Amino acid sequence: MKRIAIFVSGNGTNMENLLQRIRDGKLRAEAALVVSDNPQAYALKRAEKYNAECVIVDRKRFDSKPAFEAEIRRHLKRKKIDFIVLAGFMKILSPDFVRAYRRRIVNIHPALLPKFPGGHAIKDAWEAKVKKTGVTVHFVDEGVDTGPVILQREVAVDVNDTLESLEKKIHETEYQLYPEALKLVLEGKAHL
C-alpha cells in the first residue's frame, strides 16, 4: 500500500475528506504523515481525530528555505513516503524539492487551470464574471499551478450565485474530485 504525506497550512477540510475515505476503505493508501508549516492550523486538530501522525515544520524557525525543506524531507524519508498530497499547503515548494519528488506531488486547485492560478482563484474567477470555473487536480512541477493535469471538473457560475455560494460549490466539487484523482495516481493510472 502506498504511503502518503498530506501537507496542510489551514483548515484542513480536504485533508479530513481524504483521511475519512482512507478510513472507510474507499481510498487505498496509508496516511503516514500530516505535515503543517503552521502551528495554529486547525487541520492539526482534524488530523487528531484520525490518529494521524503530525509534524509541524514552521518556516519561521528556519533561516532559509533550503533548511526548512531539508527538515520536511527528513520526515518524509523517515516515514518512507511514496506520494505528497497538498491540501491547502500555502508555501511554494522550491524547484529542488519538486525535482526530488517528480511526479509524486499532487495538488488541488479551485479553478480550471491554466485559468486563475495562484492563491485567490475562486475570487479571481468571481471577479472576472466567468460563466464556469471548476477544480483541477494536477502534479506539481517547478512552476505555480502549471503541472500536468490529472483531472478537472467544471462548476457552473449561476446568475444567483454569490462569492460564498460559489466557494461552497467549488469545495463540494473538490471533495469528490480529489479522491478520484488520487486513486488514479495511487493505482498508476494518472496519464501524463
N, C-alpha and C. Protein backbone atom coordinates (compact mmCIF):
# COMPACT_ATOMS: atom_id res chain seq x y z
N MET A 1 0.85 -1.19 0.00
CA MET A 1 0.00 0.00 0.00
C MET A 1 0.89 1.24 0.00
N LYS A 2 0.54 2.22 -0.83
CA LYS A 2 1.32 3.45 -0.94
C LYS A 2 1.15 4.30 0.32
N ARG A 3 2.24 4.92 0.69
CA ARG A 3 2.27 5.78 1.89
C ARG A 3 2.25 7.24 1.44
N ILE A 4 1.30 8.01 1.97
CA ILE A 4 1.18 9.41 1.58
C ILE A 4 1.43 10.32 2.76
N ALA A 5 1.94 11.50 2.45
CA ALA A 5 2.05 12.60 3.41
C ALA A 5 1.13 13.70 2.90
N ILE A 6 0.29 14.22 3.77
CA ILE A 6 -0.62 15.29 3.40
C ILE A 6 -0.07 16.58 4.01
N PHE A 7 0.16 17.58 3.14
CA PHE A 7 0.70 18.88 3.57
C PHE A 7 -0.46 19.86 3.73
N VAL A 8 -0.51 20.55 4.87
CA VAL A 8 -1.59 21.48 5.17
C VAL A 8 -1.04 22.76 5.79
N SER A 9 -1.82 23.83 5.66
CA SER A 9 -1.49 25.10 6.31
C SER A 9 -2.67 25.67 7.08
N GLY A 10 -3.88 25.24 6.76
CA GLY A 10 -5.04 25.92 7.32
C GLY A 10 -6.09 25.01 7.92
N ASN A 11 -7.30 25.12 7.40
CA ASN A 11 -8.47 24.48 7.97
C ASN A 11 -8.47 22.96 7.84
N GLY A 12 -8.02 22.44 6.72
CA GLY A 12 -7.85 21.00 6.57
C GLY A 12 -9.07 20.21 6.15
N THR A 13 -10.04 20.84 5.50
CA THR A 13 -11.24 20.09 5.10
C THR A 13 -10.93 19.06 4.01
N ASN A 14 -10.07 19.42 3.04
CA ASN A 14 -9.70 18.43 2.02
C ASN A 14 -8.90 17.29 2.64
N MET A 15 -8.02 17.60 3.56
CA MET A 15 -7.27 16.55 4.26
C MET A 15 -8.22 15.61 5.00
N GLU A 16 -9.17 16.19 5.74
CA GLU A 16 -10.10 15.36 6.50
C GLU A 16 -10.93 14.47 5.57
N ASN A 17 -11.35 15.01 4.45
CA ASN A 17 -12.10 14.23 3.48
C ASN A 17 -11.28 13.02 3.01
N LEU A 18 -9.99 13.24 2.72
CA LEU A 18 -9.13 12.15 2.28
C LEU A 18 -8.91 11.13 3.40
N LEU A 19 -8.67 11.61 4.62
CA LEU A 19 -8.48 10.70 5.75
C LEU A 19 -9.72 9.85 6.00
N GLN A 20 -10.89 10.45 5.85
CA GLN A 20 -12.14 9.69 6.05
C GLN A 20 -12.28 8.62 4.98
N ARG A 21 -11.95 8.95 3.75
CA ARG A 21 -12.06 7.96 2.66
C ARG A 21 -11.06 6.82 2.83
N ILE A 22 -9.88 7.14 3.35
CA ILE A 22 -8.90 6.10 3.64
C ILE A 22 -9.44 5.20 4.76
N ARG A 23 -9.97 5.82 5.81
CA ARG A 23 -10.53 5.04 6.93
C ARG A 23 -11.66 4.14 6.45
N ASP A 24 -12.50 4.65 5.55
CA ASP A 24 -13.66 3.89 5.05
C ASP A 24 -13.27 2.82 4.02
N GLY A 25 -12.00 2.78 3.63
CA GLY A 25 -11.56 1.81 2.63
C GLY A 25 -11.87 2.20 1.20
N LYS A 26 -12.29 3.45 0.99
CA LYS A 26 -12.62 3.92 -0.37
C LYS A 26 -11.40 4.42 -1.12
N LEU A 27 -10.33 4.64 -0.39
CA LEU A 27 -9.07 5.10 -0.98
C LEU A 27 -7.97 4.25 -0.35
N ARG A 28 -7.33 3.44 -1.21
CA ARG A 28 -6.31 2.51 -0.70
C ARG A 28 -4.96 3.20 -0.60
N ALA A 29 -4.67 3.69 0.59
CA ALA A 29 -3.40 4.34 0.89
C ALA A 29 -3.23 4.35 2.39
N GLU A 30 -2.01 4.56 2.81
CA GLU A 30 -1.75 4.77 4.22
C GLU A 30 -1.39 6.24 4.41
N ALA A 31 -2.19 6.94 5.20
CA ALA A 31 -1.87 8.33 5.52
C ALA A 31 -0.81 8.30 6.60
N ALA A 32 0.44 8.24 6.18
CA ALA A 32 1.55 8.01 7.09
C ALA A 32 1.98 9.27 7.85
N LEU A 33 1.63 10.45 7.30
CA LEU A 33 2.11 11.68 7.92
C LEU A 33 1.28 12.87 7.46
N VAL A 34 1.04 13.80 8.39
CA VAL A 34 0.48 15.11 8.08
C VAL A 34 1.57 16.13 8.42
N VAL A 35 1.90 16.96 7.45
CA VAL A 35 2.93 17.98 7.62
C VAL A 35 2.27 19.35 7.56
N SER A 36 2.52 20.18 8.57
CA SER A 36 1.99 21.54 8.56
C SER A 36 3.12 22.54 8.78
N ASP A 37 3.06 23.62 8.02
CA ASP A 37 4.01 24.72 8.23
C ASP A 37 3.45 25.72 9.23
N ASN A 38 2.22 25.50 9.69
CA ASN A 38 1.53 26.45 10.55
C ASN A 38 1.15 25.77 11.86
N PRO A 39 1.80 26.14 12.97
CA PRO A 39 1.48 25.51 14.25
C PRO A 39 0.04 25.72 14.70
N GLN A 40 -0.63 26.76 14.15
CA GLN A 40 -2.01 27.07 14.53
C GLN A 40 -3.04 26.46 13.58
N ALA A 41 -2.62 25.70 12.61
CA ALA A 41 -3.55 25.16 11.60
C ALA A 41 -4.61 24.29 12.27
N TYR A 42 -5.87 24.58 11.96
CA TYR A 42 -6.96 23.77 12.51
C TYR A 42 -6.90 22.34 11.96
N ALA A 43 -6.24 22.18 10.81
CA ALA A 43 -6.07 20.84 10.23
C ALA A 43 -5.42 19.88 11.22
N LEU A 44 -4.55 20.38 12.09
CA LEU A 44 -3.88 19.52 13.07
C LEU A 44 -4.89 18.90 14.03
N LYS A 45 -5.90 19.69 14.43
CA LYS A 45 -6.96 19.16 15.30
C LYS A 45 -7.80 18.12 14.55
N ARG A 46 -8.08 18.40 13.28
CA ARG A 46 -8.84 17.44 12.48
C ARG A 46 -8.06 16.13 12.35
N ALA A 47 -6.75 16.22 12.13
CA ALA A 47 -5.92 15.03 11.96
C ALA A 47 -5.91 14.16 13.21
N GLU A 48 -5.99 14.79 14.38
CA GLU A 48 -6.01 14.05 15.64
C GLU A 48 -7.15 13.04 15.69
N LYS A 49 -8.30 13.41 15.11
CA LYS A 49 -9.47 12.51 15.12
C LYS A 49 -9.18 11.21 14.37
N TYR A 50 -8.20 11.24 13.49
CA TYR A 50 -7.86 10.07 12.68
C TYR A 50 -6.56 9.41 13.14
N ASN A 51 -6.08 9.85 14.29
CA ASN A 51 -4.82 9.34 14.83
C ASN A 51 -3.68 9.44 13.83
N ALA A 52 -3.70 10.47 13.01
CA ALA A 52 -2.65 10.67 12.02
C ALA A 52 -1.44 11.32 12.70
N GLU A 53 -0.27 10.80 12.39
CA GLU A 53 0.94 11.41 12.92
C GLU A 53 1.13 12.78 12.27
N CYS A 54 1.34 13.79 13.08
CA CYS A 54 1.51 15.16 12.57
C CYS A 54 2.89 15.68 12.94
N VAL A 55 3.48 16.42 12.03
CA VAL A 55 4.70 17.16 12.33
C VAL A 55 4.49 18.60 11.91
N ILE A 56 5.01 19.50 12.73
CA ILE A 56 4.95 20.92 12.41
C ILE A 56 6.36 21.34 12.02
N VAL A 57 6.48 21.87 10.82
CA VAL A 57 7.76 22.40 10.34
C VAL A 57 7.49 23.87 10.02
N ASP A 58 7.67 24.71 11.03
CA ASP A 58 7.34 26.13 10.94
C ASP A 58 8.46 26.87 10.20
N ARG A 59 8.13 27.43 9.06
CA ARG A 59 9.13 28.13 8.22
C ARG A 59 9.86 29.22 9.00
N LYS A 60 9.17 29.85 9.95
CA LYS A 60 9.76 30.94 10.73
C LYS A 60 10.94 30.48 11.59
N ARG A 61 11.03 29.19 11.85
CA ARG A 61 12.09 28.66 12.71
C ARG A 61 13.36 28.32 11.92
N PHE A 62 13.34 28.54 10.62
CA PHE A 62 14.49 28.20 9.78
C PHE A 62 15.04 29.45 9.12
N ASP A 63 16.34 29.53 9.02
CA ASP A 63 16.95 30.73 8.46
C ASP A 63 16.94 30.75 6.94
N SER A 64 16.55 29.63 6.31
CA SER A 64 16.49 29.60 4.85
C SER A 64 15.45 28.59 4.39
N LYS A 65 14.99 28.78 3.16
CA LYS A 65 14.05 27.84 2.58
C LYS A 65 14.68 26.45 2.41
N PRO A 66 15.95 26.36 1.96
CA PRO A 66 16.56 25.02 1.88
C PRO A 66 16.61 24.29 3.23
N ALA A 67 16.86 25.00 4.31
CA ALA A 67 16.88 24.37 5.63
C ALA A 67 15.48 23.90 6.04
N PHE A 68 14.48 24.73 5.75
CA PHE A 68 13.07 24.38 6.00
C PHE A 68 12.69 23.12 5.24
N GLU A 69 13.01 23.10 3.95
CA GLU A 69 12.64 21.94 3.14
C GLU A 69 13.46 20.70 3.50
N ALA A 70 14.69 20.88 3.93
CA ALA A 70 15.51 19.74 4.36
C ALA A 70 14.87 19.05 5.56
N GLU A 71 14.30 19.85 6.46
CA GLU A 71 13.62 19.26 7.62
C GLU A 71 12.38 18.49 7.19
N ILE A 72 11.63 19.03 6.25
CA ILE A 72 10.46 18.30 5.73
C ILE A 72 10.93 16.99 5.09
N ARG A 73 11.97 17.06 4.27
CA ARG A 73 12.47 15.86 3.59
C ARG A 73 12.95 14.81 4.58
N ARG A 74 13.51 15.24 5.69
CA ARG A 74 13.95 14.29 6.71
C ARG A 74 12.76 13.48 7.24
N HIS A 75 11.64 14.17 7.49
CA HIS A 75 10.43 13.49 7.97
C HIS A 75 9.85 12.56 6.89
N LEU A 76 9.87 13.01 5.65
CA LEU A 76 9.35 12.19 4.56
C LEU A 76 10.18 10.91 4.40
N LYS A 77 11.48 11.05 4.50
CA LYS A 77 12.37 9.89 4.38
C LYS A 77 12.14 8.92 5.55
N ARG A 78 12.02 9.47 6.75
CA ARG A 78 11.79 8.65 7.94
C ARG A 78 10.53 7.81 7.80
N LYS A 79 9.51 8.36 7.18
CA LYS A 79 8.22 7.66 7.04
C LYS A 79 8.10 6.92 5.69
N LYS A 80 9.16 6.94 4.89
CA LYS A 80 9.17 6.23 3.59
C LYS A 80 7.95 6.60 2.73
N ILE A 81 7.79 7.90 2.53
CA ILE A 81 6.63 8.43 1.82
C ILE A 81 6.76 8.19 0.31
N ASP A 82 5.67 7.70 -0.28
CA ASP A 82 5.61 7.48 -1.72
C ASP A 82 5.08 8.71 -2.45
N PHE A 83 4.03 9.35 -1.91
CA PHE A 83 3.41 10.50 -2.56
C PHE A 83 3.13 11.60 -1.54
N ILE A 84 3.25 12.83 -2.01
CA ILE A 84 2.91 14.02 -1.23
C ILE A 84 1.61 14.57 -1.79
N VAL A 85 0.66 14.84 -0.90
CA VAL A 85 -0.65 15.34 -1.29
C VAL A 85 -0.81 16.73 -0.65
N LEU A 86 -0.85 17.76 -1.47
CA LEU A 86 -1.02 19.12 -0.96
C LEU A 86 -2.51 19.39 -0.78
N ALA A 87 -2.88 19.79 0.42
CA ALA A 87 -4.29 20.05 0.74
C ALA A 87 -4.38 21.38 1.47
N GLY A 88 -4.23 22.45 0.70
CA GLY A 88 -4.24 23.78 1.31
C GLY A 88 -2.91 24.12 1.93
N PHE A 89 -1.82 23.64 1.34
CA PHE A 89 -0.48 23.98 1.80
C PHE A 89 -0.09 25.27 1.10
N MET A 90 0.14 26.33 1.87
CA MET A 90 0.26 27.66 1.29
C MET A 90 1.70 28.14 1.09
N LYS A 91 2.62 27.20 0.99
CA LYS A 91 4.01 27.53 0.67
C LYS A 91 4.32 26.98 -0.72
N ILE A 92 5.11 27.73 -1.47
CA ILE A 92 5.56 27.25 -2.78
C ILE A 92 6.83 26.46 -2.57
N LEU A 93 6.82 25.24 -3.04
CA LEU A 93 7.98 24.36 -2.89
C LEU A 93 9.05 24.73 -3.92
N SER A 94 10.30 24.63 -3.52
CA SER A 94 11.40 25.01 -4.41
C SER A 94 11.54 24.01 -5.56
N PRO A 95 12.14 24.45 -6.66
CA PRO A 95 12.40 23.53 -7.77
C PRO A 95 13.21 22.30 -7.34
N ASP A 96 14.16 22.47 -6.45
CA ASP A 96 14.95 21.33 -5.98
C ASP A 96 14.06 20.31 -5.25
N PHE A 97 13.18 20.79 -4.41
CA PHE A 97 12.27 19.90 -3.69
C PHE A 97 11.37 19.16 -4.68
N VAL A 98 10.80 19.91 -5.62
CA VAL A 98 9.89 19.32 -6.60
C VAL A 98 10.62 18.26 -7.43
N ARG A 99 11.85 18.56 -7.86
CA ARG A 99 12.61 17.58 -8.65
C ARG A 99 12.88 16.31 -7.87
N ALA A 100 13.09 16.44 -6.56
CA ALA A 100 13.36 15.26 -5.72
C ALA A 100 12.14 14.34 -5.63
N TYR A 101 10.95 14.90 -5.85
CA TYR A 101 9.70 14.12 -5.77
C TYR A 101 8.91 14.22 -7.08
N ARG A 102 9.62 14.29 -8.19
CA ARG A 102 8.97 14.46 -9.50
C ARG A 102 7.86 13.43 -9.71
N ARG A 103 6.71 13.92 -10.12
CA ARG A 103 5.52 13.10 -10.39
C ARG A 103 5.01 12.37 -9.15
N ARG A 104 5.42 12.88 -7.98
CA ARG A 104 4.95 12.28 -6.74
C ARG A 104 4.34 13.32 -5.81
N ILE A 105 4.15 14.55 -6.31
CA ILE A 105 3.48 15.61 -5.54
C ILE A 105 2.20 15.97 -6.28
N VAL A 106 1.08 15.89 -5.58
CA VAL A 106 -0.23 16.16 -6.18
C VAL A 106 -0.83 17.37 -5.46
N ASN A 107 -1.48 18.23 -6.25
CA ASN A 107 -2.11 19.43 -5.69
C ASN A 107 -3.53 19.56 -6.21
N ILE A 108 -4.36 20.20 -5.41
CA ILE A 108 -5.72 20.55 -5.85
C ILE A 108 -5.80 22.06 -5.95
N HIS A 109 -6.47 22.53 -7.01
CA HIS A 109 -6.58 23.97 -7.25
C HIS A 109 -8.03 24.31 -7.58
N PRO A 110 -8.59 25.37 -6.95
CA PRO A 110 -10.00 25.69 -7.12
C PRO A 110 -10.31 26.55 -8.36
N ALA A 111 -9.85 26.08 -9.51
CA ALA A 111 -10.15 26.72 -10.80
C ALA A 111 -9.80 25.72 -11.91
N LEU A 112 -10.22 26.05 -13.11
CA LEU A 112 -9.87 25.22 -14.27
C LEU A 112 -8.56 25.74 -14.84
N LEU A 113 -7.46 25.20 -14.33
CA LEU A 113 -6.16 25.64 -14.83
C LEU A 113 -6.07 25.38 -16.34
N PRO A 114 -5.41 26.23 -17.10
CA PRO A 114 -4.47 27.25 -16.65
C PRO A 114 -5.10 28.59 -16.23
N LYS A 115 -6.42 28.69 -16.25
CA LYS A 115 -7.05 29.93 -15.82
C LYS A 115 -6.97 30.06 -14.30
N PHE A 116 -6.76 31.26 -13.83
CA PHE A 116 -6.80 31.65 -12.43
C PHE A 116 -5.84 30.85 -11.53
N PRO A 117 -4.55 30.85 -11.86
CA PRO A 117 -3.58 30.23 -10.96
C PRO A 117 -3.39 31.12 -9.72
N GLY A 118 -2.72 30.58 -8.71
CA GLY A 118 -2.39 31.37 -7.53
C GLY A 118 -3.37 31.18 -6.40
N GLY A 119 -3.17 31.96 -5.36
CA GLY A 119 -3.85 31.76 -4.09
C GLY A 119 -5.26 32.31 -3.95
N HIS A 120 -5.79 33.00 -4.97
CA HIS A 120 -7.13 33.59 -4.85
C HIS A 120 -8.01 33.21 -6.03
N ALA A 121 -7.94 31.97 -6.45
CA ALA A 121 -8.57 31.53 -7.70
C ALA A 121 -10.08 31.71 -7.71
N ILE A 122 -10.75 31.37 -6.63
CA ILE A 122 -12.21 31.47 -6.62
C ILE A 122 -12.62 32.94 -6.75
N LYS A 123 -12.00 33.79 -5.96
CA LYS A 123 -12.31 35.22 -6.01
C LYS A 123 -11.95 35.80 -7.38
N ASP A 124 -10.81 35.38 -7.93
CA ASP A 124 -10.40 35.87 -9.24
C ASP A 124 -11.42 35.48 -10.32
N ALA A 125 -11.90 34.24 -10.27
CA ALA A 125 -12.91 33.79 -11.24
C ALA A 125 -14.22 34.56 -11.05
N TRP A 126 -14.60 34.77 -9.79
CA TRP A 126 -15.83 35.51 -9.48
C TRP A 126 -15.75 36.93 -10.04
N GLU A 127 -14.63 37.59 -9.77
CA GLU A 127 -14.47 38.97 -10.23
C GLU A 127 -14.37 39.08 -11.74
N ALA A 128 -13.92 38.02 -12.40
CA ALA A 128 -13.84 38.01 -13.87
C ALA A 128 -15.21 37.76 -14.50
N LYS A 129 -16.20 37.44 -13.67
CA LYS A 129 -17.58 37.21 -14.12
C LYS A 129 -17.67 36.09 -15.16
N VAL A 130 -16.91 35.01 -14.94
CA VAL A 130 -16.96 33.87 -15.84
C VAL A 130 -18.26 33.10 -15.64
N LYS A 131 -18.68 32.37 -16.66
CA LYS A 131 -19.90 31.56 -16.60
C LYS A 131 -19.61 30.18 -16.00
N LYS A 132 -18.34 29.78 -16.05
CA LYS A 132 -17.96 28.50 -15.44
C LYS A 132 -16.54 28.60 -14.93
N THR A 133 -16.30 27.87 -13.87
CA THR A 133 -14.97 27.71 -13.32
C THR A 133 -14.86 26.25 -12.96
N GLY A 134 -14.14 25.90 -11.93
CA GLY A 134 -14.07 24.49 -11.58
C GLY A 134 -12.94 24.15 -10.66
N VAL A 135 -12.52 22.89 -10.74
CA VAL A 135 -11.48 22.36 -9.87
C VAL A 135 -10.51 21.55 -10.73
N THR A 136 -9.23 21.68 -10.42
CA THR A 136 -8.17 20.92 -11.10
C THR A 136 -7.34 20.19 -10.07
N VAL A 137 -7.04 18.93 -10.36
CA VAL A 137 -6.04 18.19 -9.59
C VAL A 137 -4.89 17.95 -10.56
N HIS A 138 -3.67 18.29 -10.12
CA HIS A 138 -2.52 18.21 -11.02
C HIS A 138 -1.27 17.80 -10.27
N PHE A 139 -0.31 17.28 -11.04
CA PHE A 139 1.02 17.04 -10.49
C PHE A 139 1.71 18.39 -10.36
N VAL A 140 2.53 18.53 -9.35
CA VAL A 140 3.27 19.76 -9.13
C VAL A 140 4.56 19.71 -9.93
N ASP A 141 4.83 20.80 -10.65
CA ASP A 141 6.12 20.97 -11.31
C ASP A 141 6.79 22.21 -10.72
N GLU A 142 7.82 22.70 -11.39
CA GLU A 142 8.58 23.81 -10.83
C GLU A 142 7.86 25.15 -10.90
N GLY A 143 6.77 25.24 -11.65
CA GLY A 143 6.00 26.48 -11.73
C GLY A 143 4.92 26.54 -10.66
N VAL A 144 4.11 27.57 -10.72
CA VAL A 144 2.99 27.72 -9.79
C VAL A 144 1.71 27.34 -10.53
N ASP A 145 1.12 26.22 -10.14
CA ASP A 145 -0.12 25.72 -10.74
C ASP A 145 0.03 25.46 -12.24
N THR A 146 1.17 24.94 -12.64
CA THR A 146 1.44 24.70 -14.07
C THR A 146 1.68 23.23 -14.40
N GLY A 147 1.65 22.34 -13.42
CA GLY A 147 1.98 20.95 -13.66
C GLY A 147 0.92 20.20 -14.44
N PRO A 148 1.26 19.00 -14.91
CA PRO A 148 0.34 18.19 -15.72
C PRO A 148 -0.98 17.90 -14.98
N VAL A 149 -2.07 18.11 -15.69
CA VAL A 149 -3.42 17.92 -15.13
C VAL A 149 -3.73 16.43 -15.03
N ILE A 150 -4.27 16.04 -13.89
CA ILE A 150 -4.73 14.67 -13.68
C ILE A 150 -6.23 14.59 -13.97
N LEU A 151 -7.01 15.44 -13.33
CA LEU A 151 -8.46 15.53 -13.56
C LEU A 151 -8.92 16.97 -13.38
N GLN A 152 -9.98 17.32 -14.11
CA GLN A 152 -10.65 18.61 -13.93
C GLN A 152 -12.15 18.39 -13.93
N ARG A 153 -12.86 19.26 -13.24
CA ARG A 153 -14.31 19.22 -13.28
C ARG A 153 -14.84 20.64 -13.27
N GLU A 154 -15.78 20.90 -14.18
CA GLU A 154 -16.38 22.23 -14.28
C GLU A 154 -17.41 22.46 -13.19
N VAL A 155 -17.53 23.73 -12.81
CA VAL A 155 -18.57 24.20 -11.89
C VAL A 155 -19.20 25.42 -12.54
N ALA A 156 -20.51 25.36 -12.75
CA ALA A 156 -21.22 26.49 -13.37
C ALA A 156 -21.34 27.64 -12.37
N VAL A 157 -21.20 28.85 -12.88
CA VAL A 157 -21.44 30.04 -12.06
C VAL A 157 -22.83 30.54 -12.45
N ASP A 158 -23.78 30.35 -11.55
CA ASP A 158 -25.17 30.71 -11.82
C ASP A 158 -25.41 32.19 -11.55
N VAL A 159 -26.45 32.73 -12.17
CA VAL A 159 -26.75 34.16 -12.00
C VAL A 159 -27.06 34.50 -10.55
N ASN A 160 -27.59 33.56 -9.80
CA ASN A 160 -27.93 33.81 -8.40
C ASN A 160 -26.79 33.53 -7.43
N ASP A 161 -25.66 33.05 -7.95
CA ASP A 161 -24.53 32.76 -7.08
C ASP A 161 -23.98 34.02 -6.45
N THR A 162 -23.50 33.85 -5.23
CA THR A 162 -22.68 34.86 -4.55
C THR A 162 -21.27 34.27 -4.49
N LEU A 163 -20.32 35.06 -4.10
CA LEU A 163 -18.97 34.53 -3.92
C LEU A 163 -19.00 33.37 -2.93
N GLU A 164 -19.78 33.51 -1.87
CA GLU A 164 -19.86 32.46 -0.84
C GLU A 164 -20.51 31.20 -1.39
N SER A 165 -21.57 31.32 -2.18
CA SER A 165 -22.21 30.11 -2.72
C SER A 165 -21.31 29.44 -3.76
N LEU A 166 -20.55 30.24 -4.50
CA LEU A 166 -19.60 29.67 -5.46
C LEU A 166 -18.50 28.92 -4.72
N GLU A 167 -17.99 29.51 -3.64
CA GLU A 167 -16.97 28.82 -2.83
C GLU A 167 -17.49 27.48 -2.34
N LYS A 168 -18.73 27.46 -1.89
CA LYS A 168 -19.32 26.21 -1.39
C LYS A 168 -19.38 25.16 -2.50
N LYS A 169 -19.81 25.56 -3.69
CA LYS A 169 -19.89 24.61 -4.81
C LYS A 169 -18.51 24.10 -5.21
N ILE A 170 -17.52 24.98 -5.19
CA ILE A 170 -16.15 24.58 -5.51
C ILE A 170 -15.66 23.56 -4.49
N HIS A 171 -15.87 23.83 -3.21
CA HIS A 171 -15.40 22.91 -2.16
C HIS A 171 -16.10 21.56 -2.26
N GLU A 172 -17.39 21.56 -2.54
CA GLU A 172 -18.11 20.28 -2.70
C GLU A 172 -17.52 19.49 -3.86
N THR A 173 -17.16 20.17 -4.93
CA THR A 173 -16.54 19.51 -6.08
C THR A 173 -15.16 18.98 -5.72
N GLU A 174 -14.40 19.75 -4.94
CA GLU A 174 -13.08 19.30 -4.50
C GLU A 174 -13.18 17.99 -3.73
N TYR A 175 -14.17 17.88 -2.85
CA TYR A 175 -14.30 16.70 -2.01
C TYR A 175 -14.60 15.44 -2.83
N GLN A 176 -15.17 15.61 -4.02
CA GLN A 176 -15.41 14.47 -4.91
C GLN A 176 -14.20 14.20 -5.81
N LEU A 177 -13.64 15.28 -6.36
CA LEU A 177 -12.61 15.13 -7.38
C LEU A 177 -11.25 14.69 -6.82
N TYR A 178 -10.87 15.21 -5.66
CA TYR A 178 -9.53 14.90 -5.15
C TYR A 178 -9.36 13.39 -4.89
N PRO A 179 -10.32 12.74 -4.22
CA PRO A 179 -10.16 11.29 -4.03
C PRO A 179 -10.13 10.52 -5.36
N GLU A 180 -10.94 10.94 -6.33
CA GLU A 180 -10.94 10.27 -7.64
C GLU A 180 -9.56 10.38 -8.30
N ALA A 181 -9.00 11.58 -8.28
CA ALA A 181 -7.70 11.80 -8.91
C ALA A 181 -6.60 11.06 -8.15
N LEU A 182 -6.66 11.11 -6.84
CA LEU A 182 -5.63 10.45 -6.04
C LEU A 182 -5.67 8.94 -6.24
N LYS A 183 -6.86 8.39 -6.41
CA LYS A 183 -7.00 6.95 -6.69
C LYS A 183 -6.26 6.61 -7.99
N LEU A 184 -6.42 7.43 -9.02
CA LEU A 184 -5.73 7.21 -10.29
C LEU A 184 -4.21 7.24 -10.09
N VAL A 185 -3.74 8.20 -9.31
CA VAL A 185 -2.31 8.34 -9.05
C VAL A 185 -1.79 7.11 -8.31
N LEU A 186 -2.48 6.71 -7.26
CA LEU A 186 -2.05 5.58 -6.44
C LEU A 186 -2.04 4.27 -7.22
N GLU A 187 -2.94 4.15 -8.18
CA GLU A 187 -3.03 2.94 -8.99
C GLU A 187 -2.14 3.01 -10.24
N GLY A 188 -1.39 4.11 -10.39
CA GLY A 188 -0.53 4.25 -11.56
C GLY A 188 -1.29 4.51 -12.85
N LYS A 189 -2.50 5.03 -12.74
CA LYS A 189 -3.34 5.26 -13.91
C LYS A 189 -3.48 6.73 -14.29
N ALA A 190 -2.73 7.61 -13.64
CA ALA A 190 -2.78 9.04 -13.98
C ALA A 190 -1.91 9.24 -15.22
N HIS A 191 -2.53 9.61 -16.31
CA HIS A 191 -1.82 9.77 -17.57
C HIS A 191 -1.17 11.15 -17.65
N LEU A 192 0.07 11.17 -18.02
CA LEU A 192 0.81 12.43 -18.07
C LEU A 192 0.89 12.94 -19.49
